[in-house]
Amino acid sequence: MVITSLEELLKAHLTLTSGRISLALEIQGEKFEYNSRTIIPSASLIKLPILIAAYRESEKGKLFLHRRVTVTREDKTGGSGVIQSLSEGLNFTIKDLLTLMITVSDNTATNVCIDLIGLDSINDTIKEIGLRHTVLGRKMMDWDGIKEGKNNYTSANDMLLCMKAINEQGILTEESRTDILNILQSQQFVDKLPAHMDTDVITIANKTGELPGAEHDTAIIKFKEKTAYAAVLTDGLLSQEEGRQAIRNIGHIIYNHLIEE
């Protein structure tokens, strides 16, 4: 069994001094799970189903990815991203906004995309993918929404399913899947699952997320004919670095296993 040989190595990194960790891993159809259905605040992982929803709407002819959108001062929001620091009134294609949403986790781009797609449409896509623990309850940095008890949630298992929906034939056309993979492979935040991987040897497409007390990463990792899907989520951390290091260690174990001939 592919996964059985990894279980003991993985288990050594599934106990934290603070907080909790969730893992969903699938390699060549075999799966290992640890707290994988625990519902956790998603942080920026919620941007993955938003990305899929955008391409689904594009396929239906309801959203045109090359349409240009002007980002106003009112659109700008804090947190991660670069648009908040750029000149006002810049025009971006929707595809540009989606790319910034993923590669630099841009919150302004994300909120503009939520407005363009519609929160309800995004949650409909979440259900269509089969994600049972994921919900988009609010926009990024929506402090009023947070006060009202609105939040964004997911689980490790849902993120694994999300990555499979991106990589495998099913909910998206081949053209959309290729586009999305290209965006994910341009990810600028590679200090968690990919940290100890040689990207000259493997291909990795990943999306991170973080909040105070939480560190997440999910990835598609390919080596020759082998494909691994991984999602590691943590929360309740007293040390962000402990969460990041646990995710790095898990990524290293997966990488070493994949490249073994």
Protein backbone atom coordinates (compact mmCIF):
# COMPACT_ATOMS: atom_id res chain seq x y z
CA MET A 1 0.00 0.00 0.00
CA VAL A 2 1.34 3.42 -1.00
CA ILE A 3 -0.03 5.33 1.99
CA THR A 4 0.61 2.69 4.68
CA SER A 5 4.38 3.18 4.46
CA LEU A 6 3.89 6.90 5.13
CA GLU A 7 1.54 6.71 8.08
CA GLU A 8 4.11 6.44 10.87
CA LEU A 9 6.24 9.22 9.38
CA LEU A 10 3.19 11.48 9.06
CA LYS A 11 1.86 10.74 12.53
CA ALA A 12 5.07 12.08 14.07
CA HIS A 13 4.09 15.55 12.83
CA LEU A 14 0.40 15.46 13.71
CA THR A 15 0.74 16.46 17.36
CA LEU A 16 1.28 20.13 18.14
CA THR A 17 2.18 21.72 21.48
CA SER A 18 -0.79 24.05 20.93
CA GLY A 19 -3.78 23.96 18.64
CA ARG A 20 -4.91 21.20 16.32
CA ILE A 21 -3.95 19.93 12.90
CA SER A 22 -5.98 18.35 10.10
CA LEU A 23 -4.59 16.41 7.16
CA ALA A 24 -6.06 14.94 4.01
CA LEU A 25 -3.64 13.19 1.66
CA GLU A 26 -4.28 11.16 -1.46
CA ILE A 27 -1.57 9.54 -3.58
CA GLN A 28 -2.45 7.46 -6.62
CA GLY A 29 -5.99 6.94 -5.32
CA GLU A 30 -4.99 5.89 -1.78
CA LYS A 31 -5.99 8.19 1.05
CA PHE A 32 -4.74 9.05 4.54
CA GLU A 33 -6.85 11.28 6.78
CA TYR A 34 -6.38 12.83 10.20
CA ASN A 35 -9.18 15.05 11.53
CA SER A 36 -9.82 15.74 7.86
CA ARG A 37 -13.47 16.69 8.34
CA THR A 38 -12.85 19.11 11.19
CA ILE A 39 -14.42 22.45 10.26
CA ILE A 40 -11.88 25.27 10.53
CA PRO A 41 -11.91 28.96 9.55
CA SER A 42 -10.64 28.85 5.99
CA ALA A 43 -8.54 32.02 5.82
CA SER A 44 -7.43 32.46 2.20
CA LEU A 45 -8.13 28.85 1.21
CA ILE A 46 -11.67 30.07 0.48
CA LYS A 47 -10.19 31.75 -2.60
CA LEU A 48 -9.90 28.35 -4.31
CA PRO A 49 -13.66 27.74 -4.61
CA ILE A 50 -14.06 31.39 -5.64
CA LEU A 51 -11.59 30.71 -8.47
CA ILE A 52 -13.47 27.59 -9.55
CA ALA A 53 -16.78 29.47 -9.41
CA ALA A 54 -15.39 32.19 -11.67
CA TYR A 55 -14.40 29.66 -14.31
CA ARG A 56 -17.75 27.86 -13.99
CA GLU A 57 -19.54 31.17 -14.61
CA SER A 58 -17.23 31.82 -17.56
CA GLU A 59 -18.08 28.43 -19.05
CA LYS A 60 -21.78 29.28 -18.75
CA GLY A 61 -21.24 32.59 -20.56
CA LYS A 62 -22.18 34.60 -17.47
CA LEU A 63 -18.72 36.00 -16.74
CA PHE A 64 -16.17 37.19 -19.29
CA LEU A 65 -12.67 36.74 -17.93
CA HIS A 66 -11.12 39.27 -20.33
CA ARG A 67 -13.61 41.98 -19.38
CA ARG A 68 -11.86 44.95 -17.79
CA VAL A 69 -12.89 46.20 -14.36
CA THR A 70 -11.91 49.49 -12.72
CA VAL A 71 -10.83 49.12 -9.10
CA THR A 72 -11.85 52.18 -7.09
CA ARG A 73 -10.69 53.53 -3.75
CA GLU A 74 -13.85 52.11 -2.19
CA ASP A 75 -12.94 48.64 -3.49
CA LYS A 76 -9.58 48.59 -1.76
CA THR A 77 -9.21 46.58 1.42
CA GLY A 78 -6.39 45.72 3.80
CA GLY A 79 -4.60 42.51 4.59
CA SER A 80 -2.68 40.59 1.96
CA GLY A 81 -2.22 41.76 -1.61
CA VAL A 82 -0.75 44.54 -3.71
CA ILE A 83 -3.71 46.38 -5.27
CA GLN A 84 -4.26 48.37 -2.08
CA SER A 85 -0.81 49.95 -2.65
CA LEU A 86 -1.29 50.72 -6.35
CA SER A 87 -2.72 53.82 -8.01
CA GLU A 88 -6.46 54.35 -7.89
CA GLY A 89 -8.65 53.72 -10.91
CA LEU A 90 -6.53 51.00 -12.50
CA ASN A 91 -8.22 48.64 -14.95
CA PHE A 92 -7.74 44.90 -14.56
CA THR A 93 -9.17 42.01 -16.52
CA ILE A 94 -11.18 39.64 -14.35
CA LYS A 95 -8.55 37.00 -15.09
CA ASP A 96 -5.87 39.39 -13.78
CA LEU A 97 -7.88 39.82 -10.57
CA LEU A 98 -8.26 36.06 -10.19
CA THR A 99 -4.53 35.63 -10.73
CA LEU A 100 -3.71 38.22 -8.05
CA MET A 101 -6.28 36.62 -5.74
CA ILE A 102 -4.31 33.36 -5.87
CA THR A 103 -0.66 34.21 -6.49
CA VAL A 104 -0.36 36.99 -3.89
CA SER A 105 -3.65 36.26 -2.08
CA ASP A 106 -4.89 39.76 -2.88
CA ASN A 107 -7.90 40.62 -0.71
CA THR A 108 -9.02 43.56 -2.85
CA ALA A 109 -9.01 41.37 -5.97
CA THR A 110 -10.93 38.71 -4.04
CA ASN A 111 -13.66 41.09 -2.91
CA VAL A 112 -14.11 42.52 -6.40
CA CYS A 113 -14.41 38.96 -7.75
CA ILE A 114 -16.98 38.05 -5.08
CA ASP A 115 -19.06 41.04 -6.17
CA LEU A 116 -18.76 40.06 -9.84
CA ILE A 117 -19.62 36.38 -9.34
CA GLY A 118 -22.05 36.72 -6.46
CA LEU A 119 -21.77 35.15 -3.02
CA ASP A 120 -24.74 32.87 -3.67
CA SER A 121 -23.27 31.63 -6.96
CA ILE A 122 -19.99 30.84 -5.24
CA ASN A 123 -21.76 28.86 -2.52
CA ASP A 124 -23.75 27.05 -5.22
CA THR A 125 -20.47 26.03 -6.85
CA ILE A 126 -19.16 24.88 -3.47
CA LYS A 127 -22.14 22.52 -3.23
CA GLU A 128 -21.71 21.43 -6.85
CA ILE A 129 -18.11 20.38 -6.15
CA GLY A 130 -19.38 18.34 -3.20
CA LEU A 131 -17.71 20.34 -0.44
CA ARG A 132 -19.69 19.59 2.71
CA HIS A 133 -17.82 21.73 5.23
CA THR A 134 -17.08 24.83 3.16
CA VAL A 135 -19.02 28.09 3.14
CA LEU A 136 -18.30 31.63 2.00
CA GLY A 137 -20.09 33.71 4.62
CA ARG A 138 -18.45 37.08 4.07
CA LYS A 139 -15.93 39.04 2.04
CA MET A 140 -12.30 39.48 3.05
CA MET A 141 -11.62 41.84 5.99
CA ASP A 142 -15.37 42.29 6.58
CA TRP A 143 -15.23 43.26 10.22
CA ASP A 144 -18.95 44.06 10.39
CA GLY A 145 -19.72 40.61 9.04
CA ILE A 146 -17.44 39.03 11.61
CA LYS A 147 -19.26 40.90 14.40
CA GLU A 148 -22.52 39.48 13.02
CA GLY A 149 -21.09 35.96 13.28
CA LYS A 150 -20.41 35.51 9.57
CA ASN A 151 -17.26 33.66 8.60
CA ASN A 152 -15.65 31.45 5.97
CA TYR A 153 -15.06 27.79 6.78
CA THR A 154 -13.62 24.66 5.23
CA SER A 155 -11.95 21.34 6.08
CA ALA A 156 -8.87 19.48 4.91
CA ASN A 157 -11.03 16.94 3.09
CA ASP A 158 -12.93 19.69 1.26
CA MET A 159 -9.69 21.32 0.14
CA LEU A 160 -8.45 17.99 -1.19
CA LEU A 161 -11.71 17.61 -3.14
CA CYS A 162 -11.27 21.17 -4.41
CA MET A 163 -7.81 20.35 -5.76
CA LYS A 164 -9.10 17.17 -7.39
CA ALA A 165 -11.86 19.19 -9.08
CA ILE A 166 -9.17 21.45 -10.51
CA ASN A 167 -6.87 18.68 -11.70
CA GLU A 168 -9.25 15.94 -12.83
CA GLN A 169 -11.91 15.76 -15.51
CA GLY A 170 -15.37 16.52 -14.17
CA ILE A 171 -16.77 19.87 -13.09
CA LEU A 172 -14.48 22.05 -15.24
CA THR A 173 -13.52 21.98 -18.91
CA GLU A 174 -9.97 21.04 -19.83
CA GLU A 175 -9.29 24.64 -20.88
CA SER A 176 -10.45 25.97 -17.51
CA ARG A 177 -8.45 23.37 -15.59
CA THR A 178 -5.29 24.23 -17.55
CA ASP A 179 -5.80 27.93 -16.85
CA ILE A 180 -6.37 27.38 -13.14
CA LEU A 181 -3.36 25.09 -12.80
CA ASN A 182 -1.17 27.68 -14.50
CA ILE A 183 -2.35 30.29 -11.99
CA LEU A 184 -1.72 28.00 -9.02
CA GLN A 185 1.72 27.05 -10.32
CA SER A 186 2.61 30.77 -10.28
CA GLN A 187 1.98 30.90 -6.53
CA GLN A 188 4.34 33.28 -4.73
CA PHE A 189 3.82 31.85 -1.23
CA VAL A 190 5.79 28.62 -1.20
CA ASP A 191 7.10 28.53 2.37
CA LYS A 192 4.87 25.72 3.66
CA LEU A 193 4.14 22.47 1.78
CA PRO A 194 6.62 23.25 -1.06
CA ALA A 195 9.36 24.58 1.25
CA HIS A 196 11.57 21.47 1.08
CA MET A 197 10.62 20.37 -2.43
CA ASP A 198 12.87 20.70 -5.48
CA THR A 199 10.64 22.37 -8.06
CA ASP A 200 13.07 21.33 -10.79
CA VAL A 201 12.05 17.77 -9.99
CA ILE A 202 8.33 18.07 -9.22
CA THR A 203 5.46 20.30 -10.31
CA ILE A 204 3.46 21.89 -7.52
CA ALA A 205 0.29 23.98 -7.53
CA ASN A 206 -0.64 25.30 -4.10
CA LYS A 207 -2.65 27.84 -2.13
CA THR A 208 -1.90 28.94 1.40
CA GLY A 209 -3.97 30.58 4.09
CA GLU A 210 -3.23 32.12 7.43
CA LEU A 211 -4.91 33.90 10.30
CA PRO A 212 -3.68 34.64 13.82
CA GLY A 213 -3.39 31.14 15.30
CA ALA A 214 -3.91 29.35 11.98
CA GLU A 215 -1.66 28.18 9.13
CA HIS A 216 -2.96 26.26 6.10
CA ASP A 217 -1.72 24.95 2.76
CA THR A 218 -3.18 22.73 0.08
CA ALA A 219 -1.44 21.44 -3.03
CA ILE A 220 -1.37 19.27 -6.12
CA ILE A 221 2.09 17.68 -6.37
CA LYS A 222 3.16 15.82 -9.51
CA PHE A 223 6.23 13.69 -10.19
CA LYS A 224 6.34 11.84 -13.50
CA GLU A 225 3.15 9.74 -13.54
CA LYS A 226 2.45 10.16 -9.82
CA THR A 227 0.02 12.72 -8.40
CA ALA A 228 -0.50 13.62 -4.76
CA TYR A 229 -3.22 15.83 -3.33
CA ALA A 230 -2.53 17.27 0.11
CA ALA A 231 -4.31 19.63 2.48
CA VAL A 232 -2.96 20.55 5.91
CA LEU A 233 -4.93 22.93 8.13
CA THR A 234 -4.08 24.11 11.64
CA ASP A 235 -5.79 26.36 14.15
CA GLY A 236 -5.57 27.34 17.80
CA LEU A 237 -1.81 27.83 17.46
CA LEU A 238 0.15 29.78 20.04
CA SER A 239 3.07 29.81 17.60
CA GLN A 240 2.54 30.46 13.88
CA GLU A 241 5.99 29.01 13.21
CA GLU A 242 5.04 25.70 14.81
CA GLY A 243 2.16 25.39 12.37
CA ARG A 244 4.30 26.35 9.39
CA GLN A 245 7.02 23.90 10.41
CA ALA A 246 4.56 21.04 10.78
CA ILE A 247 3.23 21.72 7.28
CA ARG A 248 6.78 21.91 5.88
CA ASN A 249 7.67 18.58 7.47
CA ILE A 250 4.57 16.91 6.05
CA GLY A 251 5.37 18.34 2.61
CA HIS A 252 8.91 16.97 2.83
CA ILE A 253 7.65 13.49 3.69
CA ILE A 254 5.25 13.54 0.73
CA TYR A 255 7.98 14.81 -1.60
CA ASN A 256 10.49 12.12 -0.55
CA HIS A 257 7.88 9.44 -1.04
CA LEU A 258 6.90 10.67 -4.51
CA ILE A 259 10.43 10.83 -5.88
CA GLU A 260 11.33 7.34 -4.67
CA GLU A 261 11.65 5.11 -7.73
